[in-house]
């Protein structure tokens, strides 16, 4: 077994990583087509994104709030920067005239009835191009039973993405026995970036999140996770972007809200306009009252 060093401590989170000639860190030396797709997902003005994650059904079926994508999610499209969904939902439900960029779930296999880390690549990159996808996302199970396979799945997808100019978002999947702390996410996000993903989706942690973003050489988008009260979700989004995240990829905290349109607009204000959580909550309440 090779020797391993102790984890470093000089993160210098206050010093931005240079990205000459492009607005996203780690992307300035990519091909034009891949940068163009990234610029569709991330706003060149703010450097951030509000992705709406609705891919939950690929392993857990008709999740609360996603029973009817046509009724619950399609009306939210004008308010998100990108939609994270499966190709099945894209083809069957999402209107082809929608101008929003689509990031497609590219891994899958087991359901909630099985070992979730036993995933494989679930779509071909040619189909992502055929669907005009702005990117693809794949789960990576660092520390999981099928860790090596999931990393290999991602690197195969990255190779295909580089051939076609399609960015890959690596998603940190946390098993039930994993500790959700900054040390774990520093490890997971750095491995995903080192293996070639163009950006990473991961969870927020209250202590040390700035070290997660600083030690990851590509953009991080924050996963929304379980449903929280609106003020808690807005505060989490605020803290994440203030500590270096390039936006959010939220699902349940938007589509399970009792006013999803109002919530996604409040999140948008936090992410793109640096609106503070209390102000964003007031915006949420006023928009909800307007119906």
C-alpha atoms as a PDB file:
ATOM      1  CA  UNK A   1       0.000   0.000   0.000  1.00  0.00           C
ATOM      2  CA  UNK A   2       1.496   3.399  -0.952  1.00  0.00           C
ATOM      3  CA  UNK A   3       2.275   5.928   1.732  1.00  0.00           C
ATOM      4  CA  UNK A   4      -0.215   8.762   2.093  1.00  0.00           C
ATOM      5  CA  UNK A   5       0.551  12.283   3.236  1.00  0.00           C
ATOM      6  CA  UNK A   6      -1.460  14.126   5.825  1.00  0.00           C
ATOM      7  CA  UNK A   7      -4.031  16.535   4.446  1.00  0.00           C
ATOM      8  CA  UNK A   8      -2.780  20.061   3.845  1.00  0.00           C
ATOM      9  CA  UNK A   9      -3.965  23.178   5.660  1.00  0.00           C
ATOM     10  CA  UNK A  10      -2.937  26.117   3.442  1.00  0.00           C
ATOM     11  CA  UNK A  11      -6.184  26.656   1.539  1.00  0.00           C
ATOM     12  CA  UNK A  12      -5.941  30.464   1.261  1.00  0.00           C
ATOM     13  CA  UNK A  13      -9.653  30.688   0.535  1.00  0.00           C
ATOM     14  CA  UNK A  14      -9.430  34.477   0.329  1.00  0.00           C
ATOM     15  CA  UNK A  15      -7.191  34.285  -2.780  1.00  0.00           C
ATOM     16  CA  UNK A  16      -9.187  33.631  -5.998  1.00  0.00           C
ATOM     17  CA  UNK A  17      -7.861  31.067  -8.454  1.00  0.00           C
ATOM     18  CA  UNK A  18      -6.817  32.804 -11.713  1.00  0.00           C
ATOM     19  CA  UNK A  19      -8.894  32.104 -14.834  1.00  0.00           C
ATOM     20  CA  UNK A  20      -7.451  34.402 -17.517  1.00  0.00           C
ATOM     21  CA  UNK A  21      -9.747  35.056 -20.450  1.00  0.00           C
ATOM     22  CA  UNK A  22     -12.822  33.244 -19.078  1.00  0.00           C
ATOM     23  CA  UNK A  23     -15.116  33.792 -16.115  1.00  0.00           C
ATOM     24  CA  UNK A  24     -15.125  30.271 -14.613  1.00  0.00           C
ATOM     25  CA  UNK A  25     -12.141  28.923 -12.743  1.00  0.00           C
ATOM     26  CA  UNK A  26     -10.532  25.855 -14.228  1.00  0.00           C
ATOM     27  CA  UNK A  27     -12.280  26.375 -17.572  1.00  0.00           C
ATOM     28  CA  UNK A  28     -10.124  28.963 -19.356  1.00  0.00           C
ATOM     29  CA  UNK A  29      -8.112  26.344 -21.267  1.00  0.00           C
ATOM     30  CA  UNK A  30     -11.072  24.274 -22.457  1.00  0.00           C
ATOM     31  CA  UNK A  31     -12.265  24.131 -26.069  1.00  0.00           C
ATOM     32  CA  UNK A  32     -14.624  26.803 -27.385  1.00  0.00           C
ATOM     33  CA  UNK A  33     -17.629  24.492 -27.560  1.00  0.00           C
ATOM     34  CA  UNK A  34     -17.267  23.351 -23.975  1.00  0.00           C
ATOM     35  CA  UNK A  35     -16.827  26.916 -22.730  1.00  0.00           C
ATOM     36  CA  UNK A  36     -19.900  27.927 -24.716  1.00  0.00           C
ATOM     37  CA  UNK A  37     -21.943  25.202 -23.040  1.00  0.00           C
ATOM     38  CA  UNK A  38     -20.645  26.224 -19.615  1.00  0.00           C
ATOM     39  CA  UNK A  39     -21.588  29.833 -20.373  1.00  0.00           C
ATOM     40  CA  UNK A  40     -25.145  28.648 -21.005  1.00  0.00           C
ATOM     41  CA  UNK A  41     -25.359  27.049 -17.556  1.00  0.00           C
ATOM     42  CA  UNK A  42     -23.385  29.671 -15.596  1.00  0.00           C
ATOM     43  CA  UNK A  43     -24.158  33.368 -16.005  1.00  0.00           C
ATOM     44  CA  UNK A  44     -21.177  35.239 -17.487  1.00  0.00           C
ATOM     45  CA  UNK A  45     -22.357  38.300 -15.530  1.00  0.00           C
ATOM     46  CA  UNK A  46     -22.408  36.769 -12.039  1.00  0.00           C
ATOM     47  CA  UNK A  47     -20.324  33.652 -12.679  1.00  0.00           C
ATOM     48  CA  UNK A  48     -23.034  31.649 -10.927  1.00  0.00           C
ATOM     49  CA  UNK A  49     -25.997  29.417 -11.681  1.00  0.00           C
ATOM     50  CA  UNK A  50     -29.351  28.375 -10.263  1.00  0.00           C
ATOM     51  CA  UNK A  51     -29.844  24.852 -11.554  1.00  0.00           C
ATOM     52  CA  UNK A  52     -33.147  23.129 -10.857  1.00  0.00           C
ATOM     53  CA  UNK A  53     -32.577  19.452 -10.040  1.00  0.00           C
ATOM     54  CA  UNK A  54     -35.484  17.164 -10.952  1.00  0.00           C
ATOM     55  CA  UNK A  55     -33.609  13.904 -11.643  1.00  0.00           C
ATOM     56  CA  UNK A  56     -34.702  12.173  -8.421  1.00  0.00           C
ATOM     57  CA  UNK A  57     -37.045   9.790 -10.206  1.00  0.00           C
ATOM     58  CA  UNK A  58     -34.157   7.905 -11.818  1.00  0.00           C
ATOM     59  CA  UNK A  59     -33.706   5.932  -8.611  1.00  0.00           C
ATOM     60  CA  UNK A  60     -36.696   6.700  -6.360  1.00  0.00           C
ATOM     61  CA  UNK A  61     -39.650   7.026  -8.714  1.00  0.00           C
ATOM     62  CA  UNK A  62     -42.364   9.723  -8.465  1.00  0.00           C
ATOM     63  CA  UNK A  63     -40.879  11.809  -5.662  1.00  0.00           C
ATOM     64  CA  UNK A  64     -43.134  14.252  -3.802  1.00  0.00           C
ATOM     65  CA  UNK A  65     -43.366  17.345  -5.992  1.00  0.00           C
ATOM     66  CA  UNK A  66     -42.282  15.438  -9.098  1.00  0.00           C
ATOM     67  CA  UNK A  67     -45.399  13.342  -9.594  1.00  0.00           C
ATOM     68  CA  UNK A  68     -46.294  15.481 -12.628  1.00  0.00           C
ATOM     69  CA  UNK A  69     -43.286  17.148 -14.230  1.00  0.00           C
ATOM     70  CA  UNK A  70     -45.561  18.790 -16.802  1.00  0.00           C
ATOM     71  CA  UNK A  71     -47.661  20.502 -14.131  1.00  0.00           C
ATOM     72  CA  UNK A  72     -45.097  21.121 -11.375  1.00  0.00           C
ATOM     73  CA  UNK A  73     -41.764  21.700 -13.118  1.00  0.00           C
ATOM     74  CA  UNK A  74     -42.391  23.043 -16.635  1.00  0.00           C
ATOM     75  CA  UNK A  75     -43.895  26.279 -15.194  1.00  0.00           C
ATOM     76  CA  UNK A  76     -40.617  26.829 -13.280  1.00  0.00           C
ATOM     77  CA  UNK A  77     -38.397  26.711 -16.377  1.00  0.00           C
ATOM     78  CA  UNK A  78     -38.426  30.496 -16.978  1.00  0.00           C
ATOM     79  CA  UNK A  79     -36.932  31.052 -13.506  1.00  0.00           C
ATOM     80  CA  UNK A  80     -33.979  28.638 -13.527  1.00  0.00           C
ATOM     81  CA  UNK A  81     -30.642  28.957 -15.328  1.00  0.00           C
ATOM     82  CA  UNK A  82     -30.524  25.253 -16.220  1.00  0.00           C
ATOM     83  CA  UNK A  83     -32.549  22.102 -15.625  1.00  0.00           C
ATOM     84  CA  UNK A  84     -30.888  18.918 -14.339  1.00  0.00           C
ATOM     85  CA  UNK A  85     -33.044  16.024 -15.521  1.00  0.00           C
ATOM     86  CA  UNK A  86     -32.978  12.630 -17.215  1.00  0.00           C
ATOM     87  CA  UNK A  87     -33.187  12.154 -20.966  1.00  0.00           C
ATOM     88  CA  UNK A  88     -36.474  10.303 -20.501  1.00  0.00           C
ATOM     89  CA  UNK A  89     -38.087  13.331 -18.875  1.00  0.00           C
ATOM     90  CA  UNK A  90     -36.515  15.657 -21.434  1.00  0.00           C
ATOM     91  CA  UNK A  91     -37.900  13.754 -24.391  1.00  0.00           C
ATOM     92  CA  UNK A  92     -41.322  13.008 -22.925  1.00  0.00           C
ATOM     93  CA  UNK A  93     -42.230  16.194 -21.053  1.00  0.00           C
ATOM     94  CA  UNK A  94     -39.933  19.219 -21.509  1.00  0.00           C
ATOM     95  CA  UNK A  95     -41.124  21.482 -24.367  1.00  0.00           C
ATOM     96  CA  UNK A  96     -38.638  21.542 -27.244  1.00  0.00           C
ATOM     97  CA  UNK A  97     -39.149  25.302 -27.562  1.00  0.00           C
ATOM     98  CA  UNK A  98     -37.734  25.890 -24.073  1.00  0.00           C
ATOM     99  CA  UNK A  99     -34.604  28.076 -24.294  1.00  0.00           C
ATOM    100  CA  UNK A 100     -33.222  26.800 -20.985  1.00  0.00           C
ATOM    101  CA  UNK A 101     -30.049  24.705 -21.130  1.00  0.00           C
ATOM    102  CA  UNK A 102     -30.412  21.078 -20.081  1.00  0.00           C
ATOM    103  CA  UNK A 103     -27.915  19.076 -18.036  1.00  0.00           C
ATOM    104  CA  UNK A 104     -28.692  15.369 -18.282  1.00  0.00           C
ATOM    105  CA  UNK A 105     -28.307  12.662 -15.668  1.00  0.00           C
ATOM    106  CA  UNK A 106     -25.927  10.146 -17.254  1.00  0.00           C
ATOM    107  CA  UNK A 107     -25.584   7.488 -14.540  1.00  0.00           C
ATOM    108  CA  UNK A 108     -28.026   5.016 -13.061  1.00  0.00           C
ATOM    109  CA  UNK A 109     -28.913   1.397 -12.505  1.00  0.00           C
ATOM    110  CA  UNK A 110     -29.975   0.515  -8.969  1.00  0.00           C
ATOM    111  CA  UNK A 111     -33.128   1.804  -7.325  1.00  0.00           C
ATOM    112  CA  UNK A 112     -33.639   2.695  -3.671  1.00  0.00           C
ATOM    113  CA  UNK A 113     -34.322  -1.031  -3.182  1.00  0.00           C
ATOM    114  CA  UNK A 114     -30.683  -1.893  -3.973  1.00  0.00           C
ATOM    115  CA  UNK A 115     -27.109  -0.700  -3.308  1.00  0.00           C
ATOM    116  CA  UNK A 116     -27.109   2.778  -4.862  1.00  0.00           C
ATOM    117  CA  UNK A 117     -23.366   2.921  -5.465  1.00  0.00           C
ATOM    118  CA  UNK A 118     -23.649   0.045  -7.972  1.00  0.00           C
ATOM    119  CA  UNK A 119     -24.232   2.510 -10.820  1.00  0.00           C
ATOM    120  CA  UNK A 120     -23.086   2.461 -14.416  1.00  0.00           C
ATOM    121  CA  UNK A 121     -23.095   4.935 -17.283  1.00  0.00           C
ATOM    122  CA  UNK A 122     -26.716   5.124 -18.394  1.00  0.00           C
ATOM    123  CA  UNK A 123     -26.549   7.116 -21.620  1.00  0.00           C
ATOM    124  CA  UNK A 124     -24.255   7.643 -24.571  1.00  0.00           C
ATOM    125  CA  UNK A 125     -22.580  10.996 -25.121  1.00  0.00           C
ATOM    126  CA  UNK A 126     -23.832  10.992 -28.704  1.00  0.00           C
ATOM    127  CA  UNK A 127     -27.373  11.082 -27.361  1.00  0.00           C
ATOM    128  CA  UNK A 128     -26.477  14.054 -25.144  1.00  0.00           C
ATOM    129  CA  UNK A 129     -25.284  15.875 -28.272  1.00  0.00           C
ATOM    130  CA  UNK A 130     -28.417  14.782 -30.148  1.00  0.00           C
ATOM    131  CA  UNK A 131     -30.483  16.319 -27.346  1.00  0.00           C
ATOM    132  CA  UNK A 132     -28.450  19.543 -27.452  1.00  0.00           C
ATOM    133  CA  UNK A 133     -27.448  19.077 -23.804  1.00  0.00           C
ATOM    134  CA  UNK A 134     -25.363  21.763 -22.118  1.00  0.00           C
ATOM    135  CA  UNK A 135     -23.757  19.109 -19.942  1.00  0.00           C
ATOM    136  CA  UNK A 136     -24.157  15.753 -18.260  1.00  0.00           C
ATOM    137  CA  UNK A 137     -24.005  14.737 -14.607  1.00  0.00           C
ATOM    138  CA  UNK A 138     -22.786  11.531 -13.036  1.00  0.00           C
ATOM    139  CA  UNK A 139     -22.743  10.224  -9.469  1.00  0.00           C
ATOM    140  CA  UNK A 140     -19.362   9.450  -7.860  1.00  0.00           C
ATOM    141  CA  UNK A 141     -19.324   7.353  -4.681  1.00  0.00           C
ATOM    142  CA  UNK A 142     -16.067   8.200  -2.901  1.00  0.00           C
ATOM    143  CA  UNK A 143     -15.746   5.714  -0.056  1.00  0.00           C
ATOM    144  CA  UNK A 144     -18.691   3.664  -1.320  1.00  0.00           C
ATOM    145  CA  UNK A 145     -18.716  -0.041  -2.040  1.00  0.00           C
ATOM    146  CA  UNK A 146     -18.347   0.582  -5.785  1.00  0.00           C
ATOM    147  CA  UNK A 147     -16.051   3.604  -5.545  1.00  0.00           C
ATOM    148  CA  UNK A 148     -13.599   2.492  -8.248  1.00  0.00           C
ATOM    149  CA  UNK A 149     -16.355   1.679 -10.721  1.00  0.00           C
ATOM    150  CA  UNK A 150     -18.068   5.016 -10.179  1.00  0.00           C
ATOM    151  CA  UNK A 151     -14.808   6.913 -10.752  1.00  0.00           C
ATOM    152  CA  UNK A 152     -14.155   4.845 -13.871  1.00  0.00           C
ATOM    153  CA  UNK A 153     -17.700   5.602 -15.064  1.00  0.00           C
ATOM    154  CA  UNK A 154     -16.967   9.290 -14.691  1.00  0.00           C
ATOM    155  CA  UNK A 155     -13.595   9.206 -16.443  1.00  0.00           C
ATOM    156  CA  UNK A 156     -15.131   7.362 -19.405  1.00  0.00           C
ATOM    157  CA  UNK A 157     -17.819  10.032 -19.573  1.00  0.00           C
ATOM    158  CA  UNK A 158     -15.202  12.803 -19.301  1.00  0.00           C
ATOM    159  CA  UNK A 159     -13.268  11.271 -22.226  1.00  0.00           C
ATOM    160  CA  UNK A 160     -16.435  11.203 -24.315  1.00  0.00           C
ATOM    161  CA  UNK A 161     -17.306  14.746 -23.247  1.00  0.00           C
ATOM    162  CA  UNK A 162     -13.904  16.014 -24.333  1.00  0.00           C
ATOM    163  CA  UNK A 163     -14.438  14.452 -27.770  1.00  0.00           C
ATOM    164  CA  UNK A 164     -17.810  16.159 -28.188  1.00  0.00           C
ATOM    165  CA  UNK A 165     -17.307  19.363 -26.207  1.00  0.00           C
ATOM    166  CA  UNK A 166     -19.829  18.453 -23.475  1.00  0.00           C
ATOM    167  CA  UNK A 167     -18.978  19.349 -19.838  1.00  0.00           C
ATOM    168  CA  UNK A 168     -19.324  16.718 -17.121  1.00  0.00           C
ATOM    169  CA  UNK A 169     -20.633  17.516 -13.650  1.00  0.00           C
ATOM    170  CA  UNK A 170     -19.383  15.053 -11.042  1.00  0.00           C
ATOM    171  CA  UNK A 171     -21.837  14.620  -8.161  1.00  0.00           C
ATOM    172  CA  UNK A 172     -20.556  13.632  -4.721  1.00  0.00           C
ATOM    173  CA  UNK A 173     -22.782  10.822  -3.467  1.00  0.00           C
ATOM    174  CA  UNK A 174     -22.691  10.332   0.280  1.00  0.00           C
ATOM    175  CA  UNK A 175     -23.541   6.889   1.629  1.00  0.00           C
ATOM    176  CA  UNK A 176     -25.427   6.325   4.851  1.00  0.00           C
ATOM    177  CA  UNK A 177     -22.215   5.427   6.681  1.00  0.00           C
ATOM    178  CA  UNK A 178     -20.228   8.472   5.491  1.00  0.00           C
ATOM    179  CA  UNK A 179     -19.488  11.493   7.650  1.00  0.00           C
ATOM    180  CA  UNK A 180     -20.716  14.642   5.938  1.00  0.00           C
ATOM    181  CA  UNK A 181     -17.935  17.016   6.900  1.00  0.00           C
ATOM    182  CA  UNK A 182     -15.505  19.332   5.130  1.00  0.00           C
ATOM    183  CA  UNK A 183     -12.718  16.774   5.226  1.00  0.00           C
ATOM    184  CA  UNK A 184     -14.793  14.218   3.332  1.00  0.00           C
ATOM    185  CA  UNK A 185     -16.010  16.736   0.760  1.00  0.00           C
ATOM    186  CA  UNK A 186     -12.499  18.117   0.236  1.00  0.00           C
ATOM    187  CA  UNK A 187     -11.418  14.582  -0.595  1.00  0.00           C
ATOM    188  CA  UNK A 188     -14.398  13.773  -2.825  1.00  0.00           C
ATOM    189  CA  UNK A 189     -14.487  17.055  -4.742  1.00  0.00           C
ATOM    190  CA  UNK A 190     -10.740  17.102  -5.325  1.00  0.00           C
ATOM    191  CA  UNK A 191     -10.736  13.528  -6.659  1.00  0.00           C
ATOM    192  CA  UNK A 192     -13.620  14.313  -9.012  1.00  0.00           C
ATOM    193  CA  UNK A 193     -11.841  17.425 -10.307  1.00  0.00           C
ATOM    194  CA  UNK A 194      -8.489  15.639 -10.625  1.00  0.00           C
ATOM    195  CA  UNK A 195     -10.162  12.913 -12.680  1.00  0.00           C
ATOM    196  CA  UNK A 196     -11.363  15.513 -15.173  1.00  0.00           C
ATOM    197  CA  UNK A 197     -14.892  16.717 -14.343  1.00  0.00           C
ATOM    198  CA  UNK A 198     -15.517  20.299 -15.453  1.00  0.00           C
ATOM    199  CA  UNK A 199     -17.574  21.117 -12.352  1.00  0.00           C
ATOM    200  CA  UNK A 200     -18.715  19.415  -9.154  1.00  0.00           C
ATOM    201  CA  UNK A 201     -22.001  19.207  -7.293  1.00  0.00           C
ATOM    202  CA  UNK A 202     -21.616  18.719  -3.562  1.00  0.00           C
ATOM    203  CA  UNK A 203     -23.295  19.383  -0.229  1.00  0.00           C
ATOM    204  CA  UNK A 204     -22.856  22.397   2.022  1.00  0.00           C
ATOM    205  CA  UNK A 205     -21.287  21.977   5.447  1.00  0.00           C
ATOM    206  CA  UNK A 206     -21.389  24.680   8.099  1.00  0.00           C
ATOM    207  CA  UNK A 207     -17.761  24.310   9.144  1.00  0.00           C
ATOM    208  CA  UNK A 208     -15.006  24.635   6.572  1.00  0.00           C
ATOM    209  CA  UNK A 209     -17.013  24.844   3.346  1.00  0.00           C
ATOM    210  CA  UNK A 210     -14.680  27.564   2.077  1.00  0.00           C
ATOM    211  CA  UNK A 211     -11.837  25.027   2.223  1.00  0.00           C
ATOM    212  CA  UNK A 212     -13.882  22.667   0.036  1.00  0.00           C
ATOM    213  CA  UNK A 213     -14.369  25.303  -2.655  1.00  0.00           C
ATOM    214  CA  UNK A 214     -10.815  26.669  -2.390  1.00  0.00           C
ATOM    215  CA  UNK A 215      -9.169  23.246  -2.748  1.00  0.00           C
ATOM    216  CA  UNK A 216     -11.326  22.254  -5.737  1.00  0.00           C
ATOM    217  CA  UNK A 217      -9.810  23.672  -8.959  1.00  0.00           C
ATOM    218  CA  UNK A 218     -13.148  23.674 -10.833  1.00  0.00           C
ATOM    219  CA  UNK A 219     -16.481  25.327  -9.950  1.00  0.00           C
ATOM    220  CA  UNK A 220     -18.657  23.816  -7.228  1.00  0.00           C
ATOM    221  CA  UNK A 221     -22.447  24.004  -7.211  1.00  0.00           C
ATOM    222  CA  UNK A 222     -24.214  23.337  -3.935  1.00  0.00           C
ATOM    223  CA  UNK A 223     -26.721  20.492  -3.699  1.00  0.00           C
ATOM    224  CA  UNK A 224     -29.938  21.451  -1.975  1.00  0.00           C
ATOM    225  CA  UNK A 225     -30.413  18.169  -0.110  1.00  0.00           C
ATOM    226  CA  UNK A 226     -33.461  17.462   2.017  1.00  0.00           C
ATOM    227  CA  UNK A 227     -36.365  19.901   2.326  1.00  0.00           C
ATOM    228  CA  UNK A 228     -35.682  22.693   4.801  1.00  0.00           C
ATOM    229  CA  UNK A 229     -37.729  25.676   5.966  1.00  0.00           C
ATOM    230  CA  UNK A 230     -37.422  28.463   3.398  1.00  0.00           C
ATOM    231  CA  UNK A 231     -35.218  30.689   5.557  1.00  0.00           C
ATOM    232  CA  UNK A 232     -32.852  27.786   6.237  1.00  0.00           C
ATOM    233  CA  UNK A 233     -32.575  26.916   2.527  1.00  0.00           C
ATOM    234  CA  UNK A 234     -31.981  30.551   1.565  1.00  0.00           C
ATOM    235  CA  UNK A 235     -29.365  30.923   4.302  1.00  0.00           C
ATOM    236  CA  UNK A 236     -27.603  27.775   3.121  1.00  0.00           C
ATOM    237  CA  UNK A 237     -27.525  29.085  -0.451  1.00  0.00           C
ATOM    238  CA  UNK A 238     -26.234  32.470   0.728  1.00  0.00           C
ATOM    239  CA  UNK A 239     -23.492  30.911   2.838  1.00  0.00           C
ATOM    240  CA  UNK A 240     -22.445  28.592   0.020  1.00  0.00           C
ATOM    241  CA  UNK A 241     -21.980  31.311  -2.599  1.00  0.00           C
ATOM    242  CA  UNK A 242     -20.313  33.649  -0.124  1.00  0.00           C
ATOM    243  CA  UNK A 243     -17.870  30.839   0.663  1.00  0.00           C
ATOM    244  CA  UNK A 244     -16.937  30.192  -2.943  1.00  0.00           C
ATOM    245  CA  UNK A 245     -19.685  28.102  -4.557  1.00  0.00           C
ATOM    246  CA  UNK A 246     -20.545  29.014  -8.153  1.00  0.00           C
ATOM    247  CA  UNK A 247     -24.250  28.599  -7.502  1.00  0.00           C
ATOM    248  CA  UNK A 248     -26.699  25.891  -6.516  1.00  0.00           C
ATOM    249  CA  UNK A 249     -28.378  22.823  -7.970  1.00  0.00           C
ATOM    250  CA  UNK A 250     -31.530  22.731  -5.830  1.00  0.00           C
ATOM    251  CA  UNK A 251     -34.477  20.414  -6.100  1.00  0.00           C
ATOM    252  CA  UNK A 252     -36.634  19.584  -3.100  1.00  0.00           C
ATOM    253  CA  UNK A 253     -36.143  22.989  -1.462  1.00  0.00           C
ATOM    254  CA  UNK A 254     -37.791  24.461  -4.542  1.00  0.00           C
ATOM    255  CA  UNK A 255     -40.348  21.992  -5.920  1.00  0.00           C
ATOM    256  CA  UNK A 256     -41.475  20.849  -2.444  1.00  0.00           C
ATOM    257  CA  UNK A 257     -42.027  24.428  -1.294  1.00  0.00           C
ATOM    258  CA  UNK A 258     -45.661  25.481  -1.000  1.00  0.00           C
ATOM    259  CA  UNK A 259     -44.809  28.289  -3.461  1.00  0.00           C
ATOM    260  CA  UNK A 260     -42.159  26.926  -5.850  1.00  0.00           C
ATOM    261  CA  UNK A 261     -42.158  29.926  -8.216  1.00  0.00           C
ATOM    262  CA  UNK A 262     -41.650  32.324  -5.354  1.00  0.00           C
ATOM    263  CA  UNK A 263     -38.916  30.140  -3.863  1.00  0.00           C
ATOM    264  CA  UNK A 264     -36.875  29.744  -7.025  1.00  0.00           C
ATOM    265  CA  UNK A 265     -37.024  33.509  -7.601  1.00  0.00           C
ATOM    266  CA  UNK A 266     -35.842  34.115  -4.035  1.00  0.00           C
ATOM    267  CA  UNK A 267     -32.970  31.658  -4.519  1.00  0.00           C
ATOM    268  CA  UNK A 268     -32.121  33.397  -7.793  1.00  0.00           C
ATOM    269  CA  UNK A 269     -31.860  36.734  -5.943  1.00  0.00           C
ATOM    270  CA  UNK A 270     -29.552  35.234  -3.329  1.00  0.00           C
ATOM    271  CA  UNK A 271     -27.271  33.577  -5.891  1.00  0.00           C
ATOM    272  CA  UNK A 272     -27.085  36.247  -8.597  1.00  0.00           C
ATOM    273  CA  UNK A 273     -27.758  39.471  -6.676  1.00  0.00           C
ATOM    274  CA  UNK A 274     -26.179  38.616  -3.309  1.00  0.00           C
ATOM    275  CA  UNK A 275     -29.512  39.303  -1.604  1.00  0.00           C
ATOM    276  CA  UNK A 276     -29.261  38.433   2.069  1.00  0.00           C
ATOM    277  CA  UNK A 277     -31.433  35.598   3.400  1.00  0.00           C
ATOM    278  CA  UNK A 278     -33.827  37.782   5.414  1.00  0.00           C
ATOM    279  CA  UNK A 279     -34.472  40.024   2.396  1.00  0.00           C
ATOM    280  CA  UNK A 280     -34.893  36.974   0.175  1.00  0.00           C
ATOM    281  CA  UNK A 281     -37.416  35.535   2.611  1.00  0.00           C
ATOM    282  CA  UNK A 282     -39.392  38.804   2.437  1.00  0.00           C
ATOM    283  CA  UNK A 283     -39.250  38.522  -1.360  1.00  0.00           C
ATOM    284  CA  UNK A 284     -40.516  34.941  -1.126  1.00  0.00           C
ATOM    285  CA  UNK A 285     -43.457  35.970   1.057  1.00  0.00           C
ATOM    286  CA  UNK A 286     -44.399  38.892  -1.186  1.00  0.00           C
ATOM    287  CA  UNK A 287     -44.229  36.778  -4.344  1.00  0.00           C
ATOM    288  CA  UNK A 288     -46.251  34.018  -2.694  1.00  0.00           C
ATOM    289  CA  UNK A 289     -48.900  36.549  -1.681  1.00  0.00           C
ATOM    290  CA  UNK A 290     -49.098  37.740  -5.292  1.00  0.00           C
ATOM    291  CA  UNK A 291     -49.789  34.139  -6.333  1.00  0.00           C
END
